[in-house]
Protein backbone atom coordinates (compact mmCIF):
# COMPACT_ATOMS: atom_id res chain seq x y z
CA UNK A 1 -4.28 -28.00 21.58
CA UNK A 2 -2.82 -29.44 24.80
CA UNK A 3 -4.55 -28.13 27.91
CA UNK A 4 -4.18 -28.41 31.65
CA UNK A 5 -7.32 -28.68 33.78
CA UNK A 6 -7.40 -27.95 37.50
CA UNK A 7 -10.50 -28.25 39.67
CA UNK A 8 -11.03 -27.18 43.26
CA UNK A 9 -13.92 -27.21 45.68
CA UNK A 10 -14.37 -24.23 47.96
CA UNK A 11 -16.69 -24.23 50.94
CA UNK A 12 -18.02 -20.72 51.54
CA UNK A 13 -20.53 -20.50 54.40
CA UNK A 14 -23.23 -22.97 53.39
CA UNK A 15 -22.28 -23.07 49.73
CA UNK A 16 -20.00 -25.53 47.98
CA UNK A 17 -18.40 -23.87 44.96
CA UNK A 18 -16.52 -25.70 42.22
CA UNK A 19 -13.78 -23.70 40.49
CA UNK A 20 -12.18 -24.92 37.26
CA UNK A 21 -9.15 -23.47 35.50
CA UNK A 22 -8.23 -24.48 31.95
CA UNK A 23 -4.82 -23.45 30.59
CA UNK A 24 -3.34 -23.75 27.12
CA UNK A 25 0.03 -25.47 27.60
CA UNK A 26 1.12 -25.47 23.94
CA UNK A 27 4.09 -23.14 24.56
CA UNK A 28 5.15 -25.10 27.65
CA UNK A 29 5.02 -28.33 25.64
CA UNK A 30 7.14 -26.82 22.83
CA UNK A 31 9.74 -25.51 25.30
CA UNK A 32 9.93 -28.95 26.94
CA UNK A 33 10.64 -30.53 23.53
CA UNK A 34 13.49 -28.04 22.93
CA UNK A 35 14.97 -28.77 26.37
CA UNK A 36 14.81 -32.52 25.72
CA UNK A 37 16.51 -32.05 22.35
CA UNK A 38 19.28 -29.96 23.92
CA UNK A 39 19.78 -32.60 26.61
CA UNK A 40 20.26 -35.50 24.17
CA UNK A 41 21.77 -33.89 21.05
CA UNK A 42 24.90 -31.82 20.46
CA UNK A 43 24.00 -28.17 19.94
CA UNK A 44 26.69 -27.57 17.30
CA UNK A 45 26.38 -30.70 15.14
CA UNK A 46 22.88 -31.93 15.97
CA UNK A 47 24.28 -35.43 16.51
CA UNK A 48 23.11 -37.59 19.44
CA UNK A 49 25.30 -37.38 22.55
C-alpha cells in the first residue's frame, strides 16, 4: 500500500509537539497511471501516440 508521510513540529508554549500524518495514496497512484496512459496512448484504439 503506497503511503504519504508528513511530519511537522509545533512549538506550543514550552512544549515541542511532533505531528505526523499518514495517508493512503493508492487511489491517487491509480488515477495518475490512468492519466499517463491517456497522455501517451490513443483512447479509441489503445495504440501509442
